[in-house]
Amino acid sequence: MTMTHRERVLKFIRPEMETIFSLEEYAERLQRVKAGMAAAGIDMLYLTSPEAICYLSGFRAEWYQAQGPMSWLPVSGLAVHVDGDDYIHFEVQNEQVIAGFTSVSRDLRIFGGDAQPGDDVLDFIVDELDGEGWLKGRVGLEMYSYRPNRAVSEMLQAAMESKGATVVDGTAIVGTVRKIKSPQEIAYTRTAARIGDIGMQAAADTLQAGVTELDVYGEVVRAMAKAGGENPSITMPVSSGGKSACMHALASRKKIMPGEVVNVDLCGVYNRYHTNMARTFCIGEPHPEVSRYLDAITGVKTMLTDVIRPNLPVLELLQTIEGYYKDTGIWQDQCWVGGYDLGISFPPDWVGPWFYDVHNDPDDAVFEPGMTTNYEANFYLPNLAGMSMFIDMMVFTEDSAEFLQQTPARMPVIA
């Protein structure tokens, strides 16, 4: 019987594997996740967030179905059993080829090959798990993930409960493991930081009165891509003038004018590892009081360089920051001062699940070796100039801690 082109492609195309970590590292991650499951009393964990799927299997794609047609349910993912030697990777047939060259899974189950009219991917997954005996006991779902959406998540939970499972929230398990990076993950993070430096230099080279925010945005994207960077998980803000007071304003066709401040907030990305950086530029000499604020906001980096260290209590950092900004006389004009962990990210967000800021009690939390987190200080400026954004990445290892960016904290004035 003659094979169709579709059948031939799915059977024979095997792109070269694009694994970015060793099989040993993926195996070690699985063991850490299973240890977290055991501690939480979870027998089976079903992972649907792109970050968790990528972290355990290496699978990565440019699109993860989240809110498509209601008849096409976004429930592909990984099933991990606390007593299993491996996980099961469920995918739809459209993703079979990409799963074959990015995922290290040894048990890839594809919906669609033998599907009959009326078959449902959710039923397929639940029946497969039930057949393995993995729905007897406590099952964890990533209830704080945007994927799948609420309606589908409730359908998945109900289907699992109908087989006898007790469904609980398991969101924090992989997130807690991911917070501590391996040496290879930190190496990728350093590369991402260099890509971000290149992007910020492109912004500096492009900025002048008369160009648009989108002009600047486009050159930043081009420079980072040319340097080997990937698309960030958030559309990077470039905002000028009064718009700079909006931290998350999209770059637009607005022209940048003399006398304005311009904020550029970007992420360098390498193998999906993100490093965040933001800088404020002045188009022409700023008002002296604006300049004083910018000096104070960015001067914190020099001070903190001598403060950060492995196992630094978060409370100590926050108290040091608050004291510094109060001494400089700008504390009352804060918008947000704090940070969050970064690592593997996919759209729509690069913000990690762990964060710290001056308005929340960190209890006894410390910056543990292996953590990569940003430091963010956003302040409203005098003279109705808008806002200044300063963001840099910190990395903590067993014997050191440092800021990763080489870009100056206080950017030269754009003439």
Protein backbone atom coordinates (compact mmCIF):
# COMPACT_ATOMS: atom_id res chain seq x y z
CA MET A 1 0.00 0.00 0.00
CA THR A 2 1.41 3.39 -1.00
CA MET A 3 2.13 5.71 1.91
CA THR A 4 0.83 9.27 1.84
CA HIS A 5 3.28 12.15 2.10
CA ARG A 6 1.87 12.80 5.58
CA GLU A 7 2.61 9.24 6.66
CA ARG A 8 6.11 9.34 5.17
CA VAL A 9 6.95 12.66 6.86
CA LEU A 10 5.76 11.50 10.27
CA LYS A 11 7.54 8.16 9.98
CA PHE A 12 10.86 9.11 8.42
CA ILE A 13 11.73 12.76 9.14
CA ARG A 14 14.11 12.84 12.06
CA PRO A 15 15.81 16.24 12.47
CA GLU A 16 19.07 16.21 14.40
CA MET A 17 18.42 16.26 18.14
CA GLU A 18 18.58 19.72 19.69
CA THR A 19 19.05 18.79 23.32
CA ILE A 20 20.58 21.57 25.38
CA PHE A 21 21.48 19.56 28.50
CA SER A 22 22.97 16.14 29.10
CA LEU A 23 20.70 13.16 29.69
CA GLU A 24 22.26 12.92 33.13
CA GLU A 25 21.09 16.42 34.02
CA TYR A 26 17.54 15.69 32.86
CA ALA A 27 17.56 12.51 34.95
CA GLU A 28 18.76 14.42 38.01
CA ARG A 29 15.95 16.96 37.55
CA LEU A 30 13.40 14.17 37.45
CA GLN A 31 14.71 12.76 40.71
CA ARG A 32 14.48 16.18 42.39
CA VAL A 33 10.89 16.62 41.18
CA LYS A 34 9.95 13.15 42.46
CA ALA A 35 11.49 14.00 45.82
CA GLY A 36 9.34 17.13 45.95
CA MET A 37 6.29 15.06 45.08
CA ALA A 38 7.02 12.59 47.83
CA ALA A 39 7.43 15.40 50.35
CA ALA A 40 4.06 16.85 49.27
CA GLY A 41 2.32 13.47 49.32
CA ILE A 42 1.58 13.58 45.58
CA ASP A 43 1.51 10.28 43.68
CA MET A 44 1.24 11.63 40.13
CA LEU A 45 2.00 15.11 38.78
CA TYR A 46 0.58 16.23 35.45
CA LEU A 47 2.52 19.17 34.01
CA THR A 48 1.06 21.48 31.37
CA SER A 49 3.08 24.71 31.66
CA PRO A 50 5.62 25.18 28.85
CA GLU A 51 8.34 25.93 31.41
CA ALA A 52 7.83 22.70 33.38
CA ILE A 53 7.56 20.61 30.21
CA CYS A 54 10.78 22.10 28.85
CA TYR A 55 12.60 21.79 32.17
CA LEU A 56 12.02 18.06 32.44
CA SER A 57 12.02 16.97 28.80
CA GLY A 58 13.71 19.69 26.72
CA PHE A 59 10.57 20.06 24.56
CA ARG A 60 10.27 23.62 23.28
CA ALA A 61 8.18 25.20 20.57
CA GLU A 62 7.20 28.66 19.40
CA TRP A 63 3.53 28.12 20.30
CA TYR A 64 1.71 26.31 23.06
CA GLN A 65 -1.98 26.04 22.51
CA ALA A 66 -3.81 27.79 25.32
CA GLN A 67 -7.05 29.33 24.09
CA GLY A 68 -7.75 27.92 20.65
CA PRO A 69 -11.03 26.40 19.44
CA MET A 70 -13.12 24.89 22.21
CA SER A 71 -13.11 21.58 20.35
CA TRP A 72 -9.30 21.49 20.44
CA LEU A 73 -8.39 21.15 24.10
CA PRO A 74 -4.91 22.26 25.23
CA VAL A 75 -4.03 19.38 27.55
CA SER A 76 -0.77 18.00 26.19
CA GLY A 77 1.89 17.64 28.86
CA LEU A 78 4.05 15.39 31.01
CA ALA A 79 2.85 12.84 33.56
CA VAL A 80 5.31 12.01 36.35
CA HIS A 81 4.65 9.23 38.87
CA VAL A 82 6.47 9.31 42.17
CA ASP A 83 7.40 5.62 41.79
CA GLY A 84 8.01 5.65 38.02
CA ASP A 85 11.38 5.36 36.33
CA ASP A 86 10.39 7.84 33.62
CA TYR A 87 7.57 10.22 32.71
CA ILE A 88 5.02 9.99 29.91
CA HIS A 89 4.99 12.80 27.35
CA PHE A 90 1.58 13.32 25.72
CA GLU A 91 1.41 15.32 22.49
CA VAL A 92 -0.86 15.81 19.52
CA GLN A 93 0.24 14.58 16.11
CA ASN A 94 0.94 18.09 14.82
CA GLU A 95 3.79 18.30 17.32
CA GLN A 96 5.17 14.81 16.73
CA VAL A 97 8.17 15.88 14.66
CA ILE A 98 9.26 18.69 16.97
CA ALA A 99 8.84 16.46 20.01
CA GLY A 100 11.07 13.93 18.29
CA PHE A 101 14.05 16.27 18.05
CA THR A 102 13.68 18.39 21.20
CA SER A 103 12.24 16.07 23.85
CA VAL A 104 14.41 13.47 25.56
CA SER A 105 11.32 11.54 26.62
CA ARG A 106 11.54 7.80 26.08
CA ASP A 107 7.76 7.41 26.33
CA LEU A 108 6.12 9.75 23.83
CA ARG A 109 2.43 9.07 23.27
CA ILE A 110 0.82 10.81 20.31
CA PHE A 111 -2.88 11.52 19.98
CA GLY A 112 -4.18 11.52 16.43
CA GLY A 113 -2.47 8.65 14.70
CA ASP A 114 -5.26 6.13 15.26
CA ALA A 115 -7.92 8.60 16.36
CA GLN A 116 -11.45 8.05 15.18
CA PRO A 117 -14.12 10.70 14.59
CA GLY A 118 -15.38 11.88 17.95
CA ASP A 119 -12.26 10.82 19.84
CA ASP A 120 -11.07 13.37 22.36
CA VAL A 121 -7.49 14.17 23.37
CA LEU A 122 -8.51 14.63 27.01
CA ASP A 123 -10.15 11.19 27.09
CA PHE A 124 -7.07 9.73 25.40
CA ILE A 125 -4.73 11.10 28.08
CA VAL A 126 -6.94 10.14 31.01
CA ASP A 127 -7.53 6.63 29.67
CA GLU A 128 -3.80 6.12 29.15
CA LEU A 129 -3.03 7.26 32.69
CA ASP A 130 -5.82 5.13 34.10
CA GLY A 131 -4.44 2.14 32.22
CA GLU A 132 -1.06 2.72 33.86
CA GLY A 133 -2.74 2.81 37.28
CA TRP A 134 -1.51 6.38 37.79
CA LEU A 135 -4.88 7.86 38.78
CA LYS A 136 -5.12 6.01 42.08
CA GLY A 137 -4.15 8.42 44.82
CA ARG A 138 -3.29 12.13 44.94
CA VAL A 139 -2.77 13.79 41.57
CA GLY A 140 -1.19 17.23 41.29
CA LEU A 141 -2.10 19.74 38.57
CA GLU A 142 -0.46 23.09 37.86
CA MET A 143 -3.49 25.08 38.94
CA TYR A 144 -1.63 28.41 38.85
CA SER A 145 -0.51 27.92 35.24
CA TYR A 146 -2.30 29.79 32.46
CA ARG A 147 -2.27 26.54 30.48
CA PRO A 148 -4.71 24.93 30.23
CA ASN A 149 -7.30 27.64 30.70
CA ARG A 150 -9.76 27.44 33.58
CA ALA A 151 -12.52 25.64 31.69
CA VAL A 152 -10.20 22.94 30.35
CA SER A 153 -8.43 22.59 33.69
CA GLU A 154 -11.77 21.90 35.37
CA MET A 155 -12.63 19.33 32.69
CA LEU A 156 -9.27 17.61 33.19
CA GLN A 157 -9.72 17.57 36.96
CA ALA A 158 -13.24 16.14 36.69
CA ALA A 159 -12.10 13.41 34.28
CA MET A 160 -9.28 12.38 36.61
CA GLU A 161 -11.56 12.40 39.64
CA SER A 162 -14.02 10.19 37.80
CA LYS A 163 -11.28 7.55 37.70
CA GLY A 164 -10.74 7.77 41.44
CA ALA A 165 -8.00 10.40 41.70
CA THR A 166 -7.89 13.04 44.43
CA VAL A 167 -6.75 16.17 42.59
CA VAL A 168 -4.67 18.80 44.42
CA ASP A 169 -2.56 21.79 43.45
CA GLY A 170 0.98 20.79 42.48
CA THR A 171 2.11 24.06 40.92
CA ALA A 172 4.95 24.76 43.34
CA ILE A 173 6.78 21.46 42.96
CA VAL A 174 8.63 22.06 39.70
CA GLY A 175 8.90 25.80 40.39
CA THR A 176 10.74 25.10 43.64
CA VAL A 177 13.16 22.74 41.89
CA ARG A 178 13.72 25.17 39.01
CA LYS A 179 14.65 28.00 41.38
CA ILE A 180 18.07 26.43 42.01
CA LYS A 181 20.07 26.39 38.77
CA SER A 182 22.79 23.96 37.76
CA PRO A 183 26.22 25.17 36.60
CA GLN A 184 25.13 24.68 32.97
CA GLU A 185 21.96 26.69 33.53
CA ILE A 186 24.02 29.50 35.04
CA ALA A 187 26.37 29.37 32.04
CA TYR A 188 23.38 29.84 29.71
CA THR A 189 22.19 32.70 31.92
CA ARG A 190 25.56 34.41 31.56
CA THR A 191 25.36 34.08 27.78
CA ALA A 192 21.86 35.56 27.88
CA ALA A 193 23.24 38.52 29.85
CA ARG A 194 25.85 39.22 27.17
CA ILE A 195 23.08 39.13 24.54
CA GLY A 196 21.12 41.63 26.62
CA ASP A 197 24.14 43.92 26.80
CA ILE A 198 24.29 43.87 22.99
CA GLY A 199 20.60 44.74 22.82
CA MET A 200 20.98 47.70 25.20
CA GLN A 201 23.95 48.99 23.21
CA ALA A 202 21.77 48.86 20.10
CA ALA A 203 19.20 50.99 21.93
CA ALA A 204 21.88 53.51 22.87
CA ASP A 205 23.16 53.64 19.28
CA THR A 206 19.66 54.18 17.85
CA LEU A 207 18.24 56.68 20.32
CA GLN A 208 18.01 60.29 19.24
CA ALA A 209 15.33 62.91 19.01
CA GLY A 210 12.95 62.17 16.16
CA VAL A 211 13.14 58.36 16.08
CA THR A 212 10.11 56.38 17.22
CA GLU A 213 9.87 53.95 20.10
CA LEU A 214 9.34 51.20 17.55
CA ASP A 215 12.55 52.21 15.76
CA VAL A 216 14.43 51.57 18.99
CA TYR A 217 12.52 48.37 19.73
CA GLY A 218 13.25 46.99 16.27
CA GLU A 219 16.99 47.62 16.52
CA VAL A 220 17.14 45.99 19.95
CA VAL A 221 15.38 42.87 18.65
CA ARG A 222 17.57 42.75 15.53
CA ALA A 223 20.83 43.11 17.47
CA MET A 224 19.98 40.41 20.01
CA ALA A 225 18.80 37.99 17.33
CA LYS A 226 21.99 38.58 15.35
CA ALA A 227 23.96 37.81 18.52
CA GLY A 228 22.21 34.45 18.85
CA GLY A 229 19.40 35.56 21.14
CA GLU A 230 15.86 34.21 21.03
CA ASN A 231 12.53 36.00 21.30
CA PRO A 232 11.77 37.08 24.89
CA SER A 233 8.61 35.88 26.57
CA ILE A 234 7.25 39.42 26.98
CA THR A 235 7.05 42.12 24.32
CA MET A 236 9.86 44.38 25.52
CA PRO A 237 8.75 47.87 26.58
CA VAL A 238 10.30 51.03 25.12
CA SER A 239 8.54 54.07 26.57
CA SER A 240 9.39 57.76 26.40
CA GLY A 241 8.29 61.05 27.92
CA GLY A 242 5.09 60.84 29.92
CA LYS A 243 4.66 57.23 28.78
CA SER A 244 7.76 56.33 30.76
CA ALA A 245 5.59 56.51 33.88
CA CYS A 246 3.88 53.34 32.59
CA MET A 247 6.21 50.43 33.34
CA HIS A 248 4.52 48.09 30.89
CA ALA A 249 3.65 50.40 27.99
CA LEU A 250 4.10 48.94 24.52
CA ALA A 251 6.52 50.61 22.13
CA SER A 252 4.54 52.66 19.65
CA ARG A 253 4.91 55.02 16.72
CA LYS A 254 5.36 57.90 19.17
CA LYS A 255 8.37 60.05 18.30
CA ILE A 256 10.98 60.53 21.00
CA MET A 257 11.44 64.23 21.70
CA PRO A 258 14.28 66.38 23.08
CA GLY A 259 14.25 66.58 26.87
CA GLU A 260 12.44 63.27 27.37
CA VAL A 261 13.56 60.25 29.35
CA VAL A 262 13.32 56.86 27.64
CA ASN A 263 13.05 53.50 29.40
CA VAL A 264 14.21 50.33 27.67
CA ASP A 265 13.30 47.08 29.46
CA LEU A 266 14.62 43.92 27.79
CA CYS A 267 15.59 40.32 28.29
CA GLY A 268 18.50 38.58 26.68
CA VAL A 269 17.47 34.97 25.98
CA TYR A 270 19.62 31.92 25.33
CA ASN A 271 18.17 28.41 25.22
CA ARG A 272 15.04 30.00 26.76
CA TYR A 273 17.01 31.27 29.81
CA HIS A 274 16.17 34.93 30.40
CA THR A 275 18.20 37.76 31.92
CA ASN A 276 16.36 41.00 32.60
CA MET A 277 17.81 44.50 32.33
CA ALA A 278 16.33 48.00 32.15
CA ARG A 279 17.97 51.36 31.68
CA THR A 280 16.81 54.97 31.54
CA PHE A 281 18.18 57.28 28.85
CA CYS A 282 17.97 61.07 28.69
CA ILE A 283 17.57 62.79 25.33
CA GLY A 284 19.54 65.93 26.11
CA GLU A 285 20.65 67.18 29.51
CA PRO A 286 17.95 66.46 32.11
CA HIS A 287 16.71 68.84 34.78
CA PRO A 288 19.25 68.88 37.66
CA GLU A 289 16.77 67.31 40.08
CA VAL A 290 15.99 64.55 37.56
CA SER A 291 19.71 63.95 37.21
CA ARG A 292 20.05 63.70 40.99
CA TYR A 293 17.33 61.08 41.12
CA LEU A 294 18.92 59.06 38.33
CA ASP A 295 22.28 59.13 40.11
CA ALA A 296 20.65 57.90 43.31
CA ILE A 297 18.55 55.18 41.64
CA THR A 298 21.46 53.67 39.74
CA GLY A 299 24.09 54.27 42.43
CA VAL A 300 22.59 51.41 44.41
CA LYS A 301 24.42 48.90 42.19
CA THR A 302 27.86 50.00 43.41
CA MET A 303 26.70 49.76 47.01
CA LEU A 304 25.04 46.36 46.56
CA THR A 305 28.08 44.86 44.83
CA ASP A 306 29.74 44.77 48.25
CA VAL A 307 26.60 43.44 49.97
CA ILE A 308 25.38 40.48 47.91
CA ARG A 309 26.78 37.07 48.84
CA PRO A 310 25.64 33.42 48.88
CA ASN A 311 22.93 32.77 51.49
CA LEU A 312 22.36 36.50 52.00
CA PRO A 313 19.12 36.90 53.98
CA VAL A 314 16.51 38.57 51.77
CA LEU A 315 15.48 40.77 54.69
CA GLU A 316 19.04 42.10 55.00
CA LEU A 317 19.07 43.08 51.33
CA LEU A 318 15.69 44.80 51.60
CA GLN A 319 16.68 46.72 54.73
CA THR A 320 19.93 47.81 53.09
CA ILE A 321 18.09 49.01 49.99
CA GLU A 322 15.49 50.89 52.00
CA GLY A 323 18.17 52.58 54.10
CA TYR A 324 20.12 53.62 51.02
CA TYR A 325 17.14 55.17 49.25
CA LYS A 326 15.97 56.94 52.40
CA ASP A 327 19.45 58.42 52.83
CA THR A 328 19.38 59.71 49.25
CA GLY A 329 15.99 61.32 49.87
CA ILE A 330 14.00 59.56 47.12
CA TRP A 331 12.36 56.66 49.00
CA GLN A 332 8.94 58.31 49.02
CA ASP A 333 8.83 58.25 45.20
CA GLN A 334 9.24 54.52 44.72
CA CYS A 335 6.97 52.67 42.33
CA TRP A 336 8.33 49.14 42.92
CA VAL A 337 11.57 47.92 44.46
CA GLY A 338 12.28 44.21 44.56
CA GLY A 339 12.90 41.34 42.19
CA TYR A 340 11.96 37.85 41.08
CA ASP A 341 13.62 34.69 39.84
CA LEU A 342 14.17 34.14 36.14
CA GLY A 343 15.10 31.09 34.11
CA ILE A 344 13.29 29.11 31.43
CA SER A 345 10.37 31.14 30.11
CA PHE A 346 7.89 31.08 27.25
CA PRO A 347 5.25 33.65 26.30
CA PRO A 348 3.32 35.28 27.81
CA ASP A 349 5.62 35.89 30.80
CA TRP A 350 9.23 35.83 31.94
CA VAL A 351 8.46 36.52 35.62
CA GLY A 352 9.28 33.52 37.81
CA PRO A 353 7.09 32.23 40.65
CA TRP A 354 9.38 33.48 43.48
CA PHE A 355 9.70 37.17 44.25
CA TYR A 356 10.80 39.61 46.94
CA ASP A 357 9.98 43.26 47.53
CA VAL A 358 10.10 45.94 50.18
CA HIS A 359 6.40 45.60 51.04
CA ASN A 360 6.33 41.88 51.84
CA ASP A 361 7.91 40.08 54.78
CA PRO A 362 10.38 37.51 53.37
CA ASP A 363 10.43 35.54 56.64
CA ASP A 364 13.72 33.63 56.76
CA ALA A 365 14.27 33.40 52.97
CA VAL A 366 17.84 33.64 51.69
CA PHE A 367 19.43 34.00 48.27
CA GLU A 368 20.56 30.40 47.90
CA PRO A 369 23.46 29.23 45.76
CA GLY A 370 22.11 28.51 42.29
CA MET A 371 19.54 31.31 42.28
CA THR A 372 19.33 33.82 39.43
CA THR A 373 17.13 36.78 40.21
CA ASN A 374 16.81 40.36 39.07
CA TYR A 375 17.00 43.50 41.16
CA GLU A 376 14.48 46.12 40.11
CA ALA A 377 14.15 49.75 41.23
CA ASN A 378 11.49 51.91 39.60
CA PHE A 379 10.99 55.47 40.83
CA TYR A 380 8.78 58.35 39.76
CA LEU A 381 10.86 61.33 38.68
CA PRO A 382 10.55 65.01 39.59
CA ASN A 383 9.61 67.76 37.14
CA LEU A 384 6.92 65.48 35.62
CA ALA A 385 9.67 63.64 33.77
CA GLY A 386 7.97 60.25 34.16
CA MET A 387 9.68 57.23 35.66
CA SER A 388 13.15 55.74 35.84
CA MET A 389 13.64 51.99 35.53
CA PHE A 390 16.80 50.25 36.69
CA ILE A 391 16.99 46.44 36.50
CA ASP A 392 20.02 44.15 36.70
CA MET A 393 20.48 40.40 37.18
CA MET A 394 22.12 38.81 40.21
CA VAL A 395 23.53 35.28 40.26
CA PHE A 396 24.43 33.40 43.44
CA THR A 397 26.83 30.44 43.44
CA GLU A 398 28.38 28.39 46.22
CA ASP A 399 31.26 30.81 46.73
CA SER A 400 30.26 34.12 45.11
CA ALA A 401 27.51 36.49 44.06
CA GLU A 402 27.59 39.09 41.31
CA PHE A 403 25.66 41.30 38.95
CA LEU A 404 25.75 39.91 35.41
CA GLN A 405 25.26 42.95 33.18
CA GLN A 406 28.25 44.89 31.85
CA THR A 407 26.10 47.80 30.63
CA PRO A 408 26.64 50.92 32.80
CA ALA A 409 23.90 51.49 35.34
CA ARG A 410 23.77 55.22 34.55
CA MET A 411 23.61 55.68 30.81
CA PRO A 412 25.34 58.63 29.12
CA VAL A 413 23.13 61.51 28.00
CA ILE A 414 22.05 61.24 24.36
CA ALA A 415 23.04 64.54 22.74
